[in-house]
PDB file of N, CA and C in Angstrom:
ATOM      1  N   UNK A   1      65.969 -40.919 -19.774  1.00  0.00           N
ATOM      2  CA  UNK A   1      65.663 -41.804 -18.663  1.00  0.00           C
ATOM      3  C   UNK A   1      64.252 -42.372 -18.827  1.00  0.00           C
ATOM      4  N   UNK A   2      64.133 -43.668 -18.678  1.00  0.00           N
ATOM      5  CA  UNK A   2      62.841 -44.341 -18.829  1.00  0.00           C
ATOM      6  C   UNK A   2      61.851 -43.857 -17.768  1.00  0.00           C
ATOM      7  N   UNK A   3      60.603 -43.753 -18.176  1.00  0.00           N
ATOM      8  CA  UNK A   3      59.537 -43.303 -17.285  1.00  0.00           C
ATOM      9  C   UNK A   3      58.575 -44.456 -17.021  1.00  0.00           C
ATOM     10  N   UNK A   4      58.430 -44.810 -15.748  1.00  0.00           N
ATOM     11  CA  UNK A   4      57.574 -45.915 -15.343  1.00  0.00           C
ATOM     12  C   UNK A   4      56.147 -45.768 -15.883  1.00  0.00           C
ATOM     13  N   UNK A   5      55.607 -44.554 -15.843  1.00  0.00           N
ATOM     14  CA  UNK A   5      54.230 -44.352 -16.293  1.00  0.00           C
ATOM     15  C   UNK A   5      54.078 -44.493 -17.809  1.00  0.00           C
ATOM     16  N   UNK A   6      55.199 -44.529 -18.555  1.00  0.00           N
ATOM     17  CA  UNK A   6      55.150 -44.674 -20.009  1.00  0.00           C
ATOM     18  C   UNK A   6      55.590 -46.058 -20.479  1.00  0.00           C
ATOM     19  N   UNK A   7      55.693 -47.025 -19.556  1.00  0.00           N
ATOM     20  CA  UNK A   7      56.132 -48.365 -19.959  1.00  0.00           C
ATOM     21  C   UNK A   7      55.053 -49.047 -20.788  1.00  0.00           C
ATOM     22  N   UNK A   8      55.521 -49.930 -21.657  1.00  0.00           N
ATOM     23  CA  UNK A   8      54.586 -50.688 -22.487  1.00  0.00           C
ATOM     24  C   UNK A   8      53.868 -51.738 -21.641  1.00  0.00           C
ATOM     25  N   UNK A   9      52.581 -51.970 -21.910  1.00  0.00           N
ATOM     26  CA  UNK A   9      51.811 -52.925 -21.103  1.00  0.00           C
ATOM     27  C   UNK A   9      52.280 -54.369 -21.248  1.00  0.00           C
ATOM     28  N   UNK A  10      52.991 -54.694 -22.318  1.00  0.00           N
ATOM     29  CA  UNK A  10      53.467 -56.062 -22.524  1.00  0.00           C
ATOM     30  C   UNK A  10      54.601 -56.446 -21.579  1.00  0.00           C
ATOM     31  N   UNK A  11      55.263 -55.466 -20.956  1.00  0.00           N
ATOM     32  CA  UNK A  11      56.372 -55.774 -20.056  1.00  0.00           C
ATOM     33  C   UNK A  11      55.937 -56.728 -18.954  1.00  0.00           C
ATOM     34  N   UNK A  12      56.776 -57.742 -18.707  1.00  0.00           N
ATOM     35  CA  UNK A  12      56.528 -58.659 -17.599  1.00  0.00           C
ATOM     36  C   UNK A  12      56.599 -57.880 -16.288  1.00  0.00           C
ATOM     37  N   UNK A  13      55.780 -58.249 -15.353  1.00  0.00           N
ATOM     38  CA  UNK A  13      55.763 -57.600 -14.056  1.00  0.00           C
ATOM     39  C   UNK A  13      57.120 -57.749 -13.371  1.00  0.00           C
ATOM     40  N   UNK A  14      57.643 -56.657 -12.853  1.00  0.00           N
ATOM     41  CA  UNK A  14      58.936 -56.694 -12.177  1.00  0.00           C
ATOM     42  C   UNK A  14      59.695 -55.402 -12.356  1.00  0.00           C
ATOM     43  N   UNK A  15      60.947 -55.405 -11.968  1.00  0.00           N
ATOM     44  CA  UNK A  15      61.712 -54.168 -11.923  1.00  0.00           C
ATOM     45  C   UNK A  15      62.088 -53.617 -13.300  1.00  0.00           C
ATOM     46  N   UNK A  16      62.465 -54.475 -14.247  1.00  0.00           N
ATOM     47  CA  UNK A  16      62.866 -53.983 -15.570  1.00  0.00           C
ATOM     48  C   UNK A  16      61.648 -53.761 -16.459  1.00  0.00           C
ATOM     49  N   UNK A  17      61.738 -52.741 -17.318  1.00  0.00           N
ATOM     50  CA  UNK A  17      60.681 -52.458 -18.283  1.00  0.00           C
ATOM     51  C   UNK A  17      61.255 -51.605 -19.415  1.00  0.00           C
ATOM     52  N   UNK A  18      60.517 -51.531 -20.512  1.00  0.00           N
ATOM     53  CA  UNK A  18      60.846 -50.658 -21.634  1.00  0.00           C
ATOM     54  C   UNK A  18      59.686 -49.690 -21.786  1.00  0.00           C
ATOM     55  N   UNK A  19      60.011 -48.406 -22.011  1.00  0.00           N
ATOM     56  CA  UNK A  19      58.940 -47.414 -22.166  1.00  0.00           C
ATOM     57  C   UNK A  19      58.817 -46.969 -23.623  1.00  0.00           C
ATOM     58  N   UNK A  20      57.950 -45.991 -23.856  1.00  0.00           N
ATOM     59  CA  UNK A  20      57.603 -45.580 -25.216  1.00  0.00           C
ATOM     60  C   UNK A  20      58.681 -44.774 -25.933  1.00  0.00           C
ATOM     61  N   UNK A  21      59.866 -44.646 -25.354  1.00  0.00           N
ATOM     62  CA  UNK A  21      60.979 -43.994 -26.030  1.00  0.00           C
ATOM     63  C   UNK A  21      61.736 -44.969 -26.942  1.00  0.00           C
ATOM     64  N   UNK A  22      61.411 -46.261 -26.860  1.00  0.00           N
ATOM     65  CA  UNK A  22      62.120 -47.302 -27.613  1.00  0.00           C
ATOM     66  C   UNK A  22      62.089 -47.010 -29.115  1.00  0.00           C
ATOM     67  N   UNK A  23      63.267 -47.114 -29.759  1.00  0.00           N
ATOM     68  CA  UNK A  23      63.379 -46.889 -31.199  1.00  0.00           C
ATOM     69  C   UNK A  23      63.599 -48.204 -31.956  1.00  0.00           C
ATOM     70  N   UNK A  24      63.418 -49.329 -31.285  1.00  0.00           N
ATOM     71  CA  UNK A  24      63.515 -50.651 -31.910  1.00  0.00           C
ATOM     72  C   UNK A  24      64.887 -50.894 -32.521  1.00  0.00           C
ATOM     73  N   UNK A  25      65.937 -50.519 -31.796  1.00  0.00           N
ATOM     74  CA  UNK A  25      67.300 -50.635 -32.323  1.00  0.00           C
ATOM     75  C   UNK A  25      67.854 -52.052 -32.215  1.00  0.00           C
ATOM     76  N   UNK A  26      67.254 -52.905 -31.408  1.00  0.00           N
ATOM     77  CA  UNK A  26      67.644 -54.307 -31.254  1.00  0.00           C
ATOM     78  C   UNK A  26      68.775 -54.537 -30.255  1.00  0.00           C
ATOM     79  N   UNK A  27      69.360 -53.497 -29.672  1.00  0.00           N
ATOM     80  CA  UNK A  27      70.478 -53.680 -28.752  1.00  0.00           C
ATOM     81  C   UNK A  27      70.091 -54.549 -27.558  1.00  0.00           C
ATOM     82  N   UNK A  28      68.964 -54.280 -26.940  1.00  0.00           N
ATOM     83  CA  UNK A  28      68.572 -55.054 -25.756  1.00  0.00           C
ATOM     84  C   UNK A  28      68.278 -56.509 -26.105  1.00  0.00           C
ATOM     85  N   UNK A  29      67.678 -56.742 -27.265  1.00  0.00           N
ATOM     86  CA  UNK A  29      67.362 -58.113 -27.680  1.00  0.00           C
ATOM     87  C   UNK A  29      68.620 -58.898 -28.013  1.00  0.00           C
ATOM     88  N   UNK A  30      69.629 -58.221 -28.529  1.00  0.00           N
ATOM     89  CA  UNK A  30      70.903 -58.883 -28.807  1.00  0.00           C
ATOM     90  C   UNK A  30      71.693 -59.115 -27.521  1.00  0.00           C
ATOM     91  N   UNK A  31      71.621 -58.169 -26.599  1.00  0.00           N
ATOM     92  CA  UNK A  31      72.379 -58.252 -25.354  1.00  0.00           C
ATOM     93  C   UNK A  31      71.785 -59.254 -24.378  1.00  0.00           C
ATOM     94  N   UNK A  32      70.481 -59.216 -24.206  1.00  0.00           N
ATOM     95  CA  UNK A  32      69.787 -60.084 -23.239  1.00  0.00           C
ATOM     96  C   UNK A  32      68.578 -60.746 -23.905  1.00  0.00           C
ATOM     97  N   UNK A  33      68.815 -61.662 -24.849  1.00  0.00           N
ATOM     98  CA  UNK A  33      67.711 -62.257 -25.607  1.00  0.00           C
ATOM     99  C   UNK A  33      66.741 -63.096 -24.775  1.00  0.00           C
ATOM    100  N   UNK A  34      67.166 -63.563 -23.616  1.00  0.00           N
ATOM    101  CA  UNK A  34      66.262 -64.330 -22.760  1.00  0.00           C
ATOM    102  C   UNK A  34      65.261 -63.435 -22.044  1.00  0.00           C
ATOM    103  N   UNK A  35      65.518 -62.131 -22.027  1.00  0.00           N
ATOM    104  CA  UNK A  35      64.686 -61.218 -21.259  1.00  0.00           C
ATOM    105  C   UNK A  35      63.928 -60.190 -22.093  1.00  0.00           C
ATOM    106  N   UNK A  36      64.477 -59.827 -23.234  1.00  0.00           N
ATOM    107  CA  UNK A  36      63.838 -58.818 -24.083  1.00  0.00           C
ATOM    108  C   UNK A  36      63.377 -59.457 -25.383  1.00  0.00           C
ATOM    109  N   UNK A  37      62.240 -59.003 -25.880  1.00  0.00           N
ATOM    110  CA  UNK A  37      61.724 -59.462 -27.169  1.00  0.00           C
ATOM    111  C   UNK A  37      61.101 -58.283 -27.884  1.00  0.00           C
ATOM    112  N   UNK A  38      60.640 -58.522 -29.106  1.00  0.00           N
ATOM    113  CA  UNK A  38      60.098 -57.450 -29.939  1.00  0.00           C
ATOM    114  C   UNK A  38      58.599 -57.597 -30.118  1.00  0.00           C
ATOM    115  N   UNK A  39      57.912 -56.477 -30.056  1.00  0.00           N
ATOM    116  CA  UNK A  39      56.500 -56.434 -30.427  1.00  0.00           C
ATOM    117  C   UNK A  39      56.464 -56.240 -31.938  1.00  0.00           C
ATOM    118  N   UNK A  40      56.076 -57.278 -32.656  1.00  0.00           N
ATOM    119  CA  UNK A  40      56.024 -57.191 -34.117  1.00  0.00           C
ATOM    120  C   UNK A  40      54.994 -56.164 -34.572  1.00  0.00           C
ATOM    121  N   UNK A  41      53.882 -56.089 -33.875  1.00  0.00           N
ATOM    122  CA  UNK A  41      52.830 -55.141 -34.243  1.00  0.00           C
ATOM    123  C   UNK A  41      53.231 -53.702 -33.929  1.00  0.00           C
ATOM    124  N   UNK A  42      53.851 -53.501 -32.759  1.00  0.00           N
ATOM    125  CA  UNK A  42      54.183 -52.145 -32.326  1.00  0.00           C
ATOM    126  C   UNK A  42      55.537 -51.643 -32.789  1.00  0.00           C
ATOM    127  N   UNK A  43      56.455 -52.568 -33.139  1.00  0.00           N
ATOM    128  CA  UNK A  43      57.775 -52.161 -33.570  1.00  0.00           C
ATOM    129  C   UNK A  43      58.625 -51.604 -32.445  1.00  0.00           C
ATOM    130  N   UNK A  44      58.622 -52.278 -31.291  1.00  0.00           N
ATOM    131  CA  UNK A  44      59.432 -51.878 -30.143  1.00  0.00           C
ATOM    132  C   UNK A  44      59.771 -53.110 -29.322  1.00  0.00           C
ATOM    133  N   UNK A  45      60.727 -52.954 -28.438  1.00  0.00           N
ATOM    134  CA  UNK A  45      61.116 -54.041 -27.534  1.00  0.00           C
ATOM    135  C   UNK A  45      60.374 -53.914 -26.211  1.00  0.00           C
ATOM    136  N   UNK A  46      60.300 -55.026 -25.490  1.00  0.00           N
ATOM    137  CA  UNK A  46      59.751 -55.027 -24.141  1.00  0.00           C
ATOM    138  C   UNK A  46      60.347 -56.202 -23.376  1.00  0.00           C
ATOM    139  N   UNK A  47      60.193 -56.174 -22.061  1.00  0.00           N
ATOM    140  CA  UNK A  47      60.702 -57.247 -21.206  1.00  0.00           C
ATOM    141  C   UNK A  47      59.659 -58.352 -21.181  1.00  0.00           C
ATOM    142  N   UNK A  48      60.005 -59.502 -21.759  1.00  0.00           N
ATOM    143  CA  UNK A  48      59.044 -60.610 -21.754  1.00  0.00           C
ATOM    144  C   UNK A  48      59.299 -61.553 -20.584  1.00  0.00           C
ATOM    145  N   UNK A  49      60.477 -61.424 -19.943  1.00  0.00           N
ATOM    146  CA  UNK A  49      60.801 -62.242 -18.776  1.00  0.00           C
ATOM    147  C   UNK A  49      61.797 -61.471 -17.922  1.00  0.00           C
ATOM    148  N   UNK A  50      61.456 -61.300 -16.661  1.00  0.00           N
ATOM    149  CA  UNK A  50      62.375 -60.629 -15.742  1.00  0.00           C
ATOM    150  C   UNK A  50      63.589 -61.519 -15.483  1.00  0.00           C
ATOM    151  N   UNK A  51      64.746 -60.929 -15.226  1.00  0.00           N
ATOM    152  CA  UNK A  51      65.939 -61.732 -14.924  1.00  0.00           C
ATOM    153  C   UNK A  51      65.696 -62.659 -13.743  1.00  0.00           C
ATOM    154  N   UNK A  52      66.156 -63.917 -13.884  1.00  0.00           N
ATOM    155  CA  UNK A  52      65.934 -64.892 -12.810  1.00  0.00           C
ATOM    156  C   UNK A  52      67.234 -65.486 -12.277  1.00  0.00           C
ATOM    157  N   UNK A  53      68.365 -64.983 -12.768  1.00  0.00           N
ATOM    158  CA  UNK A  53      69.649 -65.437 -12.246  1.00  0.00           C
ATOM    159  C   UNK A  53      70.682 -64.318 -12.448  1.00  0.00           C
ATOM    160  N   UNK A  54      71.878 -64.519 -11.930  1.00  0.00           N
ATOM    161  CA  UNK A  54      72.898 -63.472 -11.983  1.00  0.00           C
ATOM    162  C   UNK A  54      73.285 -63.105 -13.409  1.00  0.00           C
ATOM    163  N   UNK A  55      73.386 -64.096 -14.284  1.00  0.00           N
ATOM    164  CA  UNK A  55      73.772 -63.813 -15.672  1.00  0.00           C
ATOM    165  C   UNK A  55      72.716 -62.957 -16.367  1.00  0.00           C
ATOM    166  N   UNK A  56      71.445 -63.326 -16.216  1.00  0.00           N
ATOM    167  CA  UNK A  56      70.367 -62.546 -16.827  1.00  0.00           C
ATOM    168  C   UNK A  56      70.313 -61.145 -16.246  1.00  0.00           C
ATOM    169  N   UNK A  57      70.527 -61.019 -14.945  1.00  0.00           N
ATOM    170  CA  UNK A  57      70.551 -59.696 -14.305  1.00  0.00           C
ATOM    171  C   UNK A  57      71.672 -58.846 -14.890  1.00  0.00           C
ATOM    172  N   UNK A  58      72.845 -59.433 -15.026  1.00  0.00           N
ATOM    173  CA  UNK A  58      74.000 -58.715 -15.569  1.00  0.00           C
ATOM    174  C   UNK A  58      73.750 -58.279 -17.013  1.00  0.00           C
ATOM    175  N   UNK A  59      73.211 -59.169 -17.825  1.00  0.00           N
ATOM    176  CA  UNK A  59      72.938 -58.840 -19.227  1.00  0.00           C
ATOM    177  C   UNK A  59      71.819 -57.804 -19.360  1.00  0.00           C
ATOM    178  N   UNK A  60      70.812 -57.892 -18.508  1.00  0.00           N
ATOM    179  CA  UNK A  60      69.730 -56.903 -18.540  1.00  0.00           C
ATOM    180  C   UNK A  60      70.244 -55.532 -18.135  1.00  0.00           C
ATOM    181  N   UNK A  61      71.121 -55.485 -17.136  1.00  0.00           N
ATOM    182  CA  UNK A  61      71.716 -54.215 -16.733  1.00  0.00           C
ATOM    183  C   UNK A  61      72.603 -53.662 -17.844  1.00  0.00           C
ATOM    184  N   UNK A  62      73.322 -54.541 -18.531  1.00  0.00           N
ATOM    185  CA  UNK A  62      74.144 -54.111 -19.665  1.00  0.00           C
ATOM    186  C   UNK A  62      73.262 -53.501 -20.760  1.00  0.00           C
ATOM    187  N   UNK A  63      72.104 -54.115 -21.015  1.00  0.00           N
ATOM    188  CA  UNK A  63      71.167 -53.575 -21.999  1.00  0.00           C
ATOM    189  C   UNK A  63      70.652 -52.211 -21.554  1.00  0.00           C
ATOM    190  N   UNK A  64      70.308 -52.092 -20.288  1.00  0.00           N
ATOM    191  CA  UNK A  64      69.830 -50.813 -19.754  1.00  0.00           C
ATOM    192  C   UNK A  64      70.880 -49.730 -19.957  1.00  0.00           C
ATOM    193  N   UNK A  65      72.111 -50.033 -19.582  1.00  0.00           N
ATOM    194  CA  UNK A  65      73.185 -49.044 -19.670  1.00  0.00           C
ATOM    195  C   UNK A  65      73.546 -48.718 -21.118  1.00  0.00           C
ATOM    196  N   UNK A  66      73.335 -49.656 -22.045  1.00  0.00           N
ATOM    197  CA  UNK A  66      73.692 -49.437 -23.433  1.00  0.00           C
ATOM    198  C   UNK A  66      72.587 -48.849 -24.290  1.00  0.00           C
ATOM    199  N   UNK A  67      71.378 -48.799 -23.789  1.00  0.00           N
ATOM    200  CA  UNK A  67      70.245 -48.309 -24.578  1.00  0.00           C
ATOM    201  C   UNK A  67      70.519 -46.870 -25.045  1.00  0.00           C
ATOM    202  N   UNK A  68      70.515 -46.642 -26.361  1.00  0.00           N
ATOM    203  CA  UNK A  68      70.881 -45.314 -26.862  1.00  0.00           C
ATOM    204  C   UNK A  68      69.874 -44.213 -26.553  1.00  0.00           C
ATOM    205  N   UNK A  69      68.638 -44.579 -26.236  1.00  0.00           N
ATOM    206  CA  UNK A  69      67.627 -43.561 -25.930  1.00  0.00           C
ATOM    207  C   UNK A  69      67.123 -43.663 -24.490  1.00  0.00           C
ATOM    208  N   UNK A  70      67.791 -44.482 -23.679  1.00  0.00           N
ATOM    209  CA  UNK A  70      67.435 -44.662 -22.264  1.00  0.00           C
ATOM    210  C   UNK A  70      65.971 -45.061 -22.086  1.00  0.00           C
ATOM    211  N   UNK A  71      65.526 -46.014 -22.913  1.00  0.00           N
ATOM    212  CA  UNK A  71      64.136 -46.478 -22.844  1.00  0.00           C
ATOM    213  C   UNK A  71      63.934 -47.623 -21.872  1.00  0.00           C
ATOM    214  N   UNK A  72      65.017 -48.127 -21.258  1.00  0.00           N
ATOM    215  CA  UNK A  72      64.917 -49.238 -20.319  1.00  0.00           C
ATOM    216  C   UNK A  72      65.027 -48.692 -18.909  1.00  0.00           C
ATOM    217  N   UNK A  73      64.085 -49.093 -18.058  1.00  0.00           N
ATOM    218  CA  UNK A  73      64.100 -48.683 -16.671  1.00  0.00           C
ATOM    219  C   UNK A  73      64.207 -49.876 -15.745  1.00  0.00           C
ATOM    220  N   UNK A  74      64.563 -49.610 -14.498  1.00  0.00           N
ATOM    221  CA  UNK A  74      64.679 -50.668 -13.490  1.00  0.00           C
ATOM    222  C   UNK A  74      64.013 -50.263 -12.179  1.00  0.00           C
ATOM    223  N   UNK A  75      63.007 -49.437 -12.258  1.00  0.00           N
ATOM    224  CA  UNK A  75      62.296 -49.009 -11.051  1.00  0.00           C
ATOM    225  C   UNK A  75      60.841 -49.423 -11.090  1.00  0.00           C
ATOM    226  N   UNK A  76      60.577 -50.579 -11.710  1.00  0.00           N
ATOM    227  CA  UNK A  76      59.208 -51.052 -11.881  1.00  0.00           C
ATOM    228  C   UNK A  76      58.663 -51.879 -10.748  1.00  0.00           C
ATOM    229  N   UNK A  77      59.437 -52.102  -9.704  1.00  0.00           N
ATOM    230  CA  UNK A  77      58.968 -52.888  -8.572  1.00  0.00           C
ATOM    231  C   UNK A  77      59.751 -54.177  -8.421  1.00  0.00           C
ATOM    232  N   UNK A  78      59.462 -54.904  -7.368  1.00  0.00           N
ATOM    233  CA  UNK A  78      60.212 -56.119  -7.062  1.00  0.00           C
ATOM    234  C   UNK A  78      59.528 -57.394  -7.529  1.00  0.00           C
ATOM    235  N   UNK A  79      58.253 -57.325  -7.877  1.00  0.00           N
ATOM    236  CA  UNK A  79      57.522 -58.537  -8.267  1.00  0.00           C
ATOM    237  C   UNK A  79      58.105 -59.113  -9.544  1.00  0.00           C
ATOM    238  N   UNK A  80      58.172 -60.435  -9.604  1.00  0.00           N
ATOM    239  CA  UNK A  80      58.662 -61.084 -10.819  1.00  0.00           C
ATOM    240  C   UNK A  80      57.569 -61.948 -11.398  1.00  0.00           C
ATOM    241  N   UNK A  81      57.505 -61.958 -12.711  1.00  0.00           N
ATOM    242  CA  UNK A  81      56.475 -62.744 -13.398  1.00  0.00           C
ATOM    243  C   UNK A  81      56.886 -64.202 -13.464  1.00  0.00           C
TER     244      UNK A  81
END
């Protein structure tokens, strides 16, 4: 389960985030490419844009549920970037 206090600082402000458990498997970036991207320097994914419509919300939730190491969380707050 993702830990809010371990989220990467690059995550866009809002409810979804990726924490330091990320293994850079690419699942979230393939599932929700409008919302997740890769840190080339760090070798991990992060939320570069919070979902802004129903489709993005659905795909982001699918990424959260499919993450093999549970590195995606959705308890980061309501603010959107």
